[in-house]
């Protein structure tokens, strides 16, 4: 995950406790512009926030974000970040360790091209309360950029000829990542997400390490457990929005 983001960055700027990823063209995308603090070495929250302010303010960004890869540091610093209007975000890294709880028919799932899947991805994002056209376009551009860096396959299910559920599979060497599992709201609860993820897992067969990332506070992680994934770690971020 870090490797892909670094390879896609316009600039990787070192700072005392890590490095900052910079993408001016995608200035609205938090996942394209953030600090990775992986050499904390006793640094306080204020020092990390000062680094974020120095680097990200100079880019005119409307957010400040620090990713902490040290779980002990997260526990130590979380209260200080939150006291200064940063929101703690945690994501579960889940690795496939066993077969799913039941077999599923993937006959209706097809591998498609990005051009076919893009309208559904845009429709999904347009439903979000924070969405506006420029941001949505940049989020889609971020996905397109990542797909240029790593082999990416798209699996989708259609209803009445309309593509309504999809996911992507990124593969490199012995590693596979299932990413961006989405179903349009009117078509949820029909098993479509299970079918598209199962098709992606079939395509990943033979890879030694298959993983995905799920929101620590949301229900999909329980769904992924039923597909054979188990949590192995946490990705922690601290985010402050300026507007």
C-alpha atoms as a PDB file:
ATOM      1  CA  UNK A   1       0.000   0.000   0.000  1.00  0.00           C
ATOM      2  CA  UNK A   2       2.738   2.435   0.950  1.00  0.00           C
ATOM      3  CA  UNK A   3       4.826   1.422  -2.055  1.00  0.00           C
ATOM      4  CA  UNK A   4       1.992   2.142  -4.491  1.00  0.00           C
ATOM      5  CA  UNK A   5       1.267   5.524  -2.961  1.00  0.00           C
ATOM      6  CA  UNK A   6       4.940   6.487  -3.026  1.00  0.00           C
ATOM      7  CA  UNK A   7       5.397   5.327  -6.615  1.00  0.00           C
ATOM      8  CA  UNK A   8       2.390   7.392  -7.652  1.00  0.00           C
ATOM      9  CA  UNK A   9       3.426  10.563  -5.819  1.00  0.00           C
ATOM     10  CA  UNK A  10       4.617  13.584  -7.748  1.00  0.00           C
ATOM     11  CA  UNK A  11       7.055  14.187  -4.905  1.00  0.00           C
ATOM     12  CA  UNK A  12       8.181  12.330  -1.788  1.00  0.00           C
ATOM     13  CA  UNK A  13       9.518  14.874   0.704  1.00  0.00           C
ATOM     14  CA  UNK A  14      11.528  13.589   3.687  1.00  0.00           C
ATOM     15  CA  UNK A  15      11.000  15.091   7.123  1.00  0.00           C
ATOM     16  CA  UNK A  16      12.419  14.252  10.515  1.00  0.00           C
ATOM     17  CA  UNK A  17      10.027  11.404  11.361  1.00  0.00           C
ATOM     18  CA  UNK A  18       9.227  10.010   7.931  1.00  0.00           C
ATOM     19  CA  UNK A  19       8.191  11.279   4.512  1.00  0.00           C
ATOM     20  CA  UNK A  20       5.384  13.299   2.974  1.00  0.00           C
ATOM     21  CA  UNK A  21       3.605  12.204  -0.191  1.00  0.00           C
ATOM     22  CA  UNK A  22       2.659  15.109  -2.444  1.00  0.00           C
ATOM     23  CA  UNK A  23       0.308  15.178  -5.426  1.00  0.00           C
ATOM     24  CA  UNK A  24      -0.536  18.738  -6.399  1.00  0.00           C
ATOM     25  CA  UNK A  25      -2.740  17.588  -9.289  1.00  0.00           C
ATOM     26  CA  UNK A  26      -4.876  15.650  -6.786  1.00  0.00           C
ATOM     27  CA  UNK A  27      -4.858  18.320  -4.106  1.00  0.00           C
ATOM     28  CA  UNK A  28      -8.346  17.418  -2.838  1.00  0.00           C
ATOM     29  CA  UNK A  29      -7.555  13.736  -2.283  1.00  0.00           C
ATOM     30  CA  UNK A  30      -6.421  12.926   1.255  1.00  0.00           C
ATOM     31  CA  UNK A  31      -5.080   9.522   0.174  1.00  0.00           C
ATOM     32  CA  UNK A  32      -2.738  11.226  -2.290  1.00  0.00           C
ATOM     33  CA  UNK A  33      -1.403  13.864   0.117  1.00  0.00           C
ATOM     34  CA  UNK A  34      -0.352  12.761   3.584  1.00  0.00           C
ATOM     35  CA  UNK A  35       2.571  12.336   5.960  1.00  0.00           C
ATOM     36  CA  UNK A  36       3.888   8.895   6.839  1.00  0.00           C
ATOM     37  CA  UNK A  37       5.412   8.983  10.329  1.00  0.00           C
ATOM     38  CA  UNK A  38       7.221   5.666  10.654  1.00  0.00           C
ATOM     39  CA  UNK A  39      10.273   6.841  12.617  1.00  0.00           C
ATOM     40  CA  UNK A  40       8.497   8.538  15.499  1.00  0.00           C
ATOM     41  CA  UNK A  41      11.274   7.954  18.060  1.00  0.00           C
ATOM     42  CA  UNK A  42       9.499   9.705  20.891  1.00  0.00           C
ATOM     43  CA  UNK A  43       8.187  12.664  18.861  1.00  0.00           C
ATOM     44  CA  UNK A  44       5.176  14.389  20.369  1.00  0.00           C
ATOM     45  CA  UNK A  45       1.901  15.034  18.593  1.00  0.00           C
ATOM     46  CA  UNK A  46       2.666  18.736  18.343  1.00  0.00           C
ATOM     47  CA  UNK A  47       5.913  18.092  16.477  1.00  0.00           C
ATOM     48  CA  UNK A  48       4.097  15.888  13.959  1.00  0.00           C
ATOM     49  CA  UNK A  49       1.294  18.413  13.548  1.00  0.00           C
ATOM     50  CA  UNK A  50       3.856  21.167  13.035  1.00  0.00           C
ATOM     51  CA  UNK A  51       5.441  19.091  10.257  1.00  0.00           C
ATOM     52  CA  UNK A  52       2.041  18.591   8.635  1.00  0.00           C
ATOM     53  CA  UNK A  53       1.339  22.311   8.861  1.00  0.00           C
ATOM     54  CA  UNK A  54       4.713  23.279   7.404  1.00  0.00           C
ATOM     55  CA  UNK A  55       4.500  20.878   4.460  1.00  0.00           C
ATOM     56  CA  UNK A  56       0.809  20.781   3.662  1.00  0.00           C
ATOM     57  CA  UNK A  57       0.042  24.459   4.230  1.00  0.00           C
ATOM     58  CA  UNK A  58       2.725  25.341   1.673  1.00  0.00           C
ATOM     59  CA  UNK A  59       0.760  23.270  -0.873  1.00  0.00           C
ATOM     60  CA  UNK A  60      -2.493  25.078  -0.150  1.00  0.00           C
ATOM     61  CA  UNK A  61      -4.227  21.880   0.963  1.00  0.00           C
ATOM     62  CA  UNK A  62      -7.524  22.074   2.818  1.00  0.00           C
ATOM     63  CA  UNK A  63      -6.577  19.194   5.095  1.00  0.00           C
ATOM     64  CA  UNK A  64      -3.770  18.009   7.338  1.00  0.00           C
ATOM     65  CA  UNK A  65      -3.113  14.280   7.634  1.00  0.00           C
ATOM     66  CA  UNK A  66      -0.551  12.160   9.443  1.00  0.00           C
ATOM     67  CA  UNK A  67      -0.384   8.375   9.123  1.00  0.00           C
ATOM     68  CA  UNK A  68       1.208   6.648  12.101  1.00  0.00           C
ATOM     69  CA  UNK A  69       2.519   3.125  11.533  1.00  0.00           C
ATOM     70  CA  UNK A  70       3.518   2.560  15.165  1.00  0.00           C
ATOM     71  CA  UNK A  71       0.558   1.286  17.204  1.00  0.00           C
ATOM     72  CA  UNK A  72       2.211   2.209  20.503  1.00  0.00           C
ATOM     73  CA  UNK A  73       2.694   5.767  19.222  1.00  0.00           C
ATOM     74  CA  UNK A  74      -0.957   5.918  18.195  1.00  0.00           C
ATOM     75  CA  UNK A  75      -2.059   5.077  21.730  1.00  0.00           C
ATOM     76  CA  UNK A  76       0.392   7.574  23.173  1.00  0.00           C
ATOM     77  CA  UNK A  77      -0.525  10.468  20.871  1.00  0.00           C
ATOM     78  CA  UNK A  78      -4.194  10.033  20.042  1.00  0.00           C
ATOM     79  CA  UNK A  79      -5.577  12.246  22.808  1.00  0.00           C
ATOM     80  CA  UNK A  80      -3.192  15.079  21.887  1.00  0.00           C
ATOM     81  CA  UNK A  81      -4.164  14.904  18.215  1.00  0.00           C
ATOM     82  CA  UNK A  82      -7.858  14.876  19.048  1.00  0.00           C
ATOM     83  CA  UNK A  83      -7.435  17.846  21.401  1.00  0.00           C
ATOM     84  CA  UNK A  84      -6.259  19.857  18.370  1.00  0.00           C
ATOM     85  CA  UNK A  85      -9.248  18.995  16.141  1.00  0.00           C
ATOM     86  CA  UNK A  86      -7.717  15.969  14.422  1.00  0.00           C
ATOM     87  CA  UNK A  87     -10.001  12.974  13.930  1.00  0.00           C
ATOM     88  CA  UNK A  88      -8.552   9.507  14.504  1.00  0.00           C
ATOM     89  CA  UNK A  89      -9.305   7.056  11.706  1.00  0.00           C
ATOM     90  CA  UNK A  90      -8.453   3.367  11.924  1.00  0.00           C
ATOM     91  CA  UNK A  91      -8.586   0.687   9.263  1.00  0.00           C
ATOM     92  CA  UNK A  92      -8.207  -3.052   9.744  1.00  0.00           C
ATOM     93  CA  UNK A  93      -5.703  -4.896   7.564  1.00  0.00           C
ATOM     94  CA  UNK A  94      -7.284  -8.289   6.889  1.00  0.00           C
ATOM     95  CA  UNK A  95      -5.545 -11.310   5.333  1.00  0.00           C
ATOM     96  CA  UNK A  96      -7.282 -14.300   3.802  1.00  0.00           C
ATOM     97  CA  UNK A  97      -6.475 -17.279   5.989  1.00  0.00           C
ATOM     98  CA  UNK A  98      -9.188 -19.875   5.241  1.00  0.00           C
ATOM     99  CA  UNK A  99     -11.942 -20.765   2.755  1.00  0.00           C
ATOM    100  CA  UNK A 100     -15.253 -18.858   2.873  1.00  0.00           C
ATOM    101  CA  UNK A 101     -18.124 -19.999   5.063  1.00  0.00           C
ATOM    102  CA  UNK A 102     -20.059 -21.123   1.982  1.00  0.00           C
ATOM    103  CA  UNK A 103     -19.684 -21.430  -1.765  1.00  0.00           C
ATOM    104  CA  UNK A 104     -21.260 -18.814  -4.033  1.00  0.00           C
ATOM    105  CA  UNK A 105     -22.246 -18.797  -7.682  1.00  0.00           C
ATOM    106  CA  UNK A 106     -20.050 -16.303  -9.563  1.00  0.00           C
ATOM    107  CA  UNK A 107     -21.517 -17.114 -12.974  1.00  0.00           C
ATOM    108  CA  UNK A 108     -23.120 -13.690 -13.299  1.00  0.00           C
ATOM    109  CA  UNK A 109     -19.847 -11.870 -12.530  1.00  0.00           C
ATOM    110  CA  UNK A 110     -17.740 -10.687 -15.437  1.00  0.00           C
ATOM    111  CA  UNK A 111     -14.286  -9.175 -15.680  1.00  0.00           C
ATOM    112  CA  UNK A 112     -14.735  -5.711 -17.182  1.00  0.00           C
ATOM    113  CA  UNK A 113     -12.657  -2.712 -18.168  1.00  0.00           C
ATOM    114  CA  UNK A 114     -12.336   0.518 -16.196  1.00  0.00           C
ATOM    115  CA  UNK A 115     -14.363   2.446 -18.795  1.00  0.00           C
ATOM    116  CA  UNK A 116     -17.310   0.159 -18.085  1.00  0.00           C
ATOM    117  CA  UNK A 117     -17.056   0.428 -14.329  1.00  0.00           C
ATOM    118  CA  UNK A 118     -16.320   4.148 -14.047  1.00  0.00           C
ATOM    119  CA  UNK A 119     -19.970   5.389 -14.305  1.00  0.00           C
ATOM    120  CA  UNK A 120     -21.018   3.183 -11.382  1.00  0.00           C
ATOM    121  CA  UNK A 121     -18.044   4.346  -9.329  1.00  0.00           C
ATOM    122  CA  UNK A 122     -18.980   7.944 -10.024  1.00  0.00           C
ATOM    123  CA  UNK A 123     -22.628   7.295  -9.135  1.00  0.00           C
ATOM    124  CA  UNK A 124     -21.581   5.728  -5.816  1.00  0.00           C
ATOM    125  CA  UNK A 125     -19.454   8.740  -4.887  1.00  0.00           C
ATOM    126  CA  UNK A 126     -22.068  11.261  -6.003  1.00  0.00           C
ATOM    127  CA  UNK A 127     -24.364   9.856  -3.299  1.00  0.00           C
ATOM    128  CA  UNK A 128     -21.977  10.867  -0.508  1.00  0.00           C
ATOM    129  CA  UNK A 129     -22.883  14.022   1.468  1.00  0.00           C
ATOM    130  CA  UNK A 130     -19.346  15.389   0.976  1.00  0.00           C
ATOM    131  CA  UNK A 131     -19.328  14.912  -2.808  1.00  0.00           C
ATOM    132  CA  UNK A 132     -18.916  17.681  -5.370  1.00  0.00           C
ATOM    133  CA  UNK A 133     -17.812  17.333  -9.020  1.00  0.00           C
ATOM    134  CA  UNK A 134     -14.159  18.351  -8.752  1.00  0.00           C
ATOM    135  CA  UNK A 135     -13.522  16.114  -5.750  1.00  0.00           C
ATOM    136  CA  UNK A 136     -15.254  13.121  -7.333  1.00  0.00           C
ATOM    137  CA  UNK A 137     -13.208  13.528 -10.516  1.00  0.00           C
ATOM    138  CA  UNK A 138      -9.977  13.661  -8.502  1.00  0.00           C
ATOM    139  CA  UNK A 139     -10.942  10.533  -6.546  1.00  0.00           C
ATOM    140  CA  UNK A 140     -11.524   8.674  -9.789  1.00  0.00           C
ATOM    141  CA  UNK A 141      -8.255  10.023 -11.182  1.00  0.00           C
ATOM    142  CA  UNK A 142      -6.474   8.642  -8.099  1.00  0.00           C
ATOM    143  CA  UNK A 143      -7.867   5.182  -8.858  1.00  0.00           C
ATOM    144  CA  UNK A 144      -6.778   5.503 -12.474  1.00  0.00           C
ATOM    145  CA  UNK A 145      -3.284   6.518 -11.389  1.00  0.00           C
ATOM    146  CA  UNK A 146      -2.979   3.486  -9.116  1.00  0.00           C
ATOM    147  CA  UNK A 147      -4.131   1.191 -11.920  1.00  0.00           C
ATOM    148  CA  UNK A 148      -1.248   2.459 -14.043  1.00  0.00           C
ATOM    149  CA  UNK A 149       1.209   1.430 -11.330  1.00  0.00           C
ATOM    150  CA  UNK A 150       0.014  -2.108 -10.626  1.00  0.00           C
ATOM    151  CA  UNK A 151      -1.924  -4.762 -12.513  1.00  0.00           C
ATOM    152  CA  UNK A 152      -5.585  -4.110 -11.776  1.00  0.00           C
ATOM    153  CA  UNK A 153      -8.561  -6.249 -12.723  1.00  0.00           C
ATOM    154  CA  UNK A 154     -12.203  -5.258 -12.302  1.00  0.00           C
ATOM    155  CA  UNK A 155     -15.017  -7.697 -11.514  1.00  0.00           C
ATOM    156  CA  UNK A 156     -18.642  -6.635 -11.822  1.00  0.00           C
ATOM    157  CA  UNK A 157     -22.211  -7.879 -11.626  1.00  0.00           C
ATOM    158  CA  UNK A 158     -25.081  -6.370 -13.595  1.00  0.00           C
ATOM    159  CA  UNK A 159     -28.837  -6.242 -13.059  1.00  0.00           C
ATOM    160  CA  UNK A 160     -31.021  -5.539 -16.070  1.00  0.00           C
ATOM    161  CA  UNK A 161     -27.953  -4.678 -18.089  1.00  0.00           C
ATOM    162  CA  UNK A 162     -26.805  -2.079 -15.545  1.00  0.00           C
ATOM    163  CA  UNK A 163     -23.502  -2.560 -13.730  1.00  0.00           C
ATOM    164  CA  UNK A 164     -24.415  -2.276 -10.041  1.00  0.00           C
ATOM    165  CA  UNK A 165     -21.749  -4.087  -7.989  1.00  0.00           C
ATOM    166  CA  UNK A 166     -17.999  -4.307  -8.440  1.00  0.00           C
ATOM    167  CA  UNK A 167     -14.578  -4.658  -6.900  1.00  0.00           C
ATOM    168  CA  UNK A 168     -11.001  -4.529  -8.091  1.00  0.00           C
ATOM    169  CA  UNK A 169      -8.059  -6.855  -7.653  1.00  0.00           C
ATOM    170  CA  UNK A 170      -4.501  -5.523  -7.560  1.00  0.00           C
ATOM    171  CA  UNK A 171      -1.715  -8.050  -8.013  1.00  0.00           C
ATOM    172  CA  UNK A 172       2.050  -7.775  -7.875  1.00  0.00           C
ATOM    173  CA  UNK A 173       4.398 -10.705  -7.395  1.00  0.00           C
ATOM    174  CA  UNK A 174       2.964 -12.997  -4.729  1.00  0.00           C
ATOM    175  CA  UNK A 175       0.646 -10.312  -3.284  1.00  0.00           C
ATOM    176  CA  UNK A 176      -2.989  -9.582  -4.116  1.00  0.00           C
ATOM    177  CA  UNK A 177      -5.245  -6.863  -2.715  1.00  0.00           C
ATOM    178  CA  UNK A 178      -9.025  -6.747  -2.994  1.00  0.00           C
ATOM    179  CA  UNK A 179     -10.081  -3.111  -3.094  1.00  0.00           C
ATOM    180  CA  UNK A 180     -13.099  -0.807  -3.597  1.00  0.00           C
ATOM    181  CA  UNK A 181     -15.954  -3.238  -3.060  1.00  0.00           C
ATOM    182  CA  UNK A 182     -19.102  -1.295  -3.928  1.00  0.00           C
ATOM    183  CA  UNK A 183     -22.781  -1.990  -4.615  1.00  0.00           C
ATOM    184  CA  UNK A 184     -25.265   0.734  -5.518  1.00  0.00           C
ATOM    185  CA  UNK A 185     -27.788   1.162  -2.658  1.00  0.00           C
ATOM    186  CA  UNK A 186     -30.943  -0.148  -4.423  1.00  0.00           C
ATOM    187  CA  UNK A 187     -29.174  -3.436  -5.175  1.00  0.00           C
ATOM    188  CA  UNK A 188     -27.660  -4.222  -1.778  1.00  0.00           C
ATOM    189  CA  UNK A 189     -28.635  -7.298   0.207  1.00  0.00           C
ATOM    190  CA  UNK A 190     -28.740  -9.568  -2.848  1.00  0.00           C
ATOM    191  CA  UNK A 191     -25.352 -11.239  -2.428  1.00  0.00           C
ATOM    192  CA  UNK A 192     -23.767  -9.275  -5.267  1.00  0.00           C
ATOM    193  CA  UNK A 193     -20.802  -8.053  -3.217  1.00  0.00           C
ATOM    194  CA  UNK A 194     -20.055 -11.609  -2.103  1.00  0.00           C
ATOM    195  CA  UNK A 195     -20.187 -12.744  -5.721  1.00  0.00           C
ATOM    196  CA  UNK A 196     -17.815 -10.077  -7.102  1.00  0.00           C
ATOM    197  CA  UNK A 197     -15.322 -10.512  -4.241  1.00  0.00           C
ATOM    198  CA  UNK A 198     -15.468 -14.289  -4.672  1.00  0.00           C
ATOM    199  CA  UNK A 199     -14.676 -13.877  -8.380  1.00  0.00           C
ATOM    200  CA  UNK A 200     -11.705 -11.679  -7.491  1.00  0.00           C
ATOM    201  CA  UNK A 201     -10.496 -14.279  -4.975  1.00  0.00           C
ATOM    202  CA  UNK A 202     -10.755 -16.966  -7.637  1.00  0.00           C
ATOM    203  CA  UNK A 203      -8.542 -14.817  -9.855  1.00  0.00           C
ATOM    204  CA  UNK A 204      -6.074 -14.379  -6.975  1.00  0.00           C
ATOM    205  CA  UNK A 205      -5.756 -18.119  -6.411  1.00  0.00           C
ATOM    206  CA  UNK A 206      -2.118 -19.123  -6.096  1.00  0.00           C
ATOM    207  CA  UNK A 207      -0.985 -15.804  -4.630  1.00  0.00           C
ATOM    208  CA  UNK A 208       0.680 -16.282  -1.283  1.00  0.00           C
ATOM    209  CA  UNK A 209      -0.716 -13.201   0.438  1.00  0.00           C
ATOM    210  CA  UNK A 210      -4.238 -11.901  -0.249  1.00  0.00           C
ATOM    211  CA  UNK A 211      -5.418  -8.941   1.794  1.00  0.00           C
ATOM    212  CA  UNK A 212      -7.862  -6.055   2.001  1.00  0.00           C
ATOM    213  CA  UNK A 213      -8.474  -3.005   4.170  1.00  0.00           C
ATOM    214  CA  UNK A 214     -11.737  -2.362   6.050  1.00  0.00           C
ATOM    215  CA  UNK A 215     -12.967   0.489   8.228  1.00  0.00           C
ATOM    216  CA  UNK A 216     -12.391  -0.455  11.863  1.00  0.00           C
ATOM    217  CA  UNK A 217     -15.736   1.081  12.866  1.00  0.00           C
ATOM    218  CA  UNK A 218     -17.907  -0.309  10.056  1.00  0.00           C
ATOM    219  CA  UNK A 219     -19.726  -3.601   9.426  1.00  0.00           C
ATOM    220  CA  UNK A 220     -17.935  -4.854   6.236  1.00  0.00           C
ATOM    221  CA  UNK A 221     -15.098  -6.341   8.286  1.00  0.00           C
ATOM    222  CA  UNK A 222     -17.583  -8.916   9.616  1.00  0.00           C
ATOM    223  CA  UNK A 223     -18.660  -9.698   6.051  1.00  0.00           C
ATOM    224  CA  UNK A 224     -15.024 -10.238   5.073  1.00  0.00           C
ATOM    225  CA  UNK A 225     -14.532 -12.624   8.004  1.00  0.00           C
ATOM    226  CA  UNK A 226     -17.221 -14.811   6.464  1.00  0.00           C
ATOM    227  CA  UNK A 227     -15.148 -14.858   3.264  1.00  0.00           C
ATOM    228  CA  UNK A 228     -12.119 -16.170   5.160  1.00  0.00           C
ATOM    229  CA  UNK A 229     -10.292 -12.960   6.099  1.00  0.00           C
ATOM    230  CA  UNK A 230      -8.892 -12.258   9.548  1.00  0.00           C
ATOM    231  CA  UNK A 231      -7.458  -9.006  10.968  1.00  0.00           C
ATOM    232  CA  UNK A 232      -3.678  -8.870  11.317  1.00  0.00           C
ATOM    233  CA  UNK A 233      -3.041  -5.185  11.979  1.00  0.00           C
ATOM    234  CA  UNK A 234      -4.311  -1.629  12.074  1.00  0.00           C
ATOM    235  CA  UNK A 235      -3.601   1.345   9.816  1.00  0.00           C
ATOM    236  CA  UNK A 236      -3.983   4.577  11.811  1.00  0.00           C
ATOM    237  CA  UNK A 237      -4.462   8.081  10.477  1.00  0.00           C
ATOM    238  CA  UNK A 238      -5.071  11.472  12.026  1.00  0.00           C
ATOM    239  CA  UNK A 239      -6.991  13.909   9.845  1.00  0.00           C
ATOM    240  CA  UNK A 240      -7.991  17.555  10.273  1.00  0.00           C
ATOM    241  CA  UNK A 241     -10.231  19.302   7.766  1.00  0.00           C
ATOM    242  CA  UNK A 242      -9.805  23.048   7.438  1.00  0.00           C
ATOM    243  CA  UNK A 243     -13.094  23.673   5.640  1.00  0.00           C
END
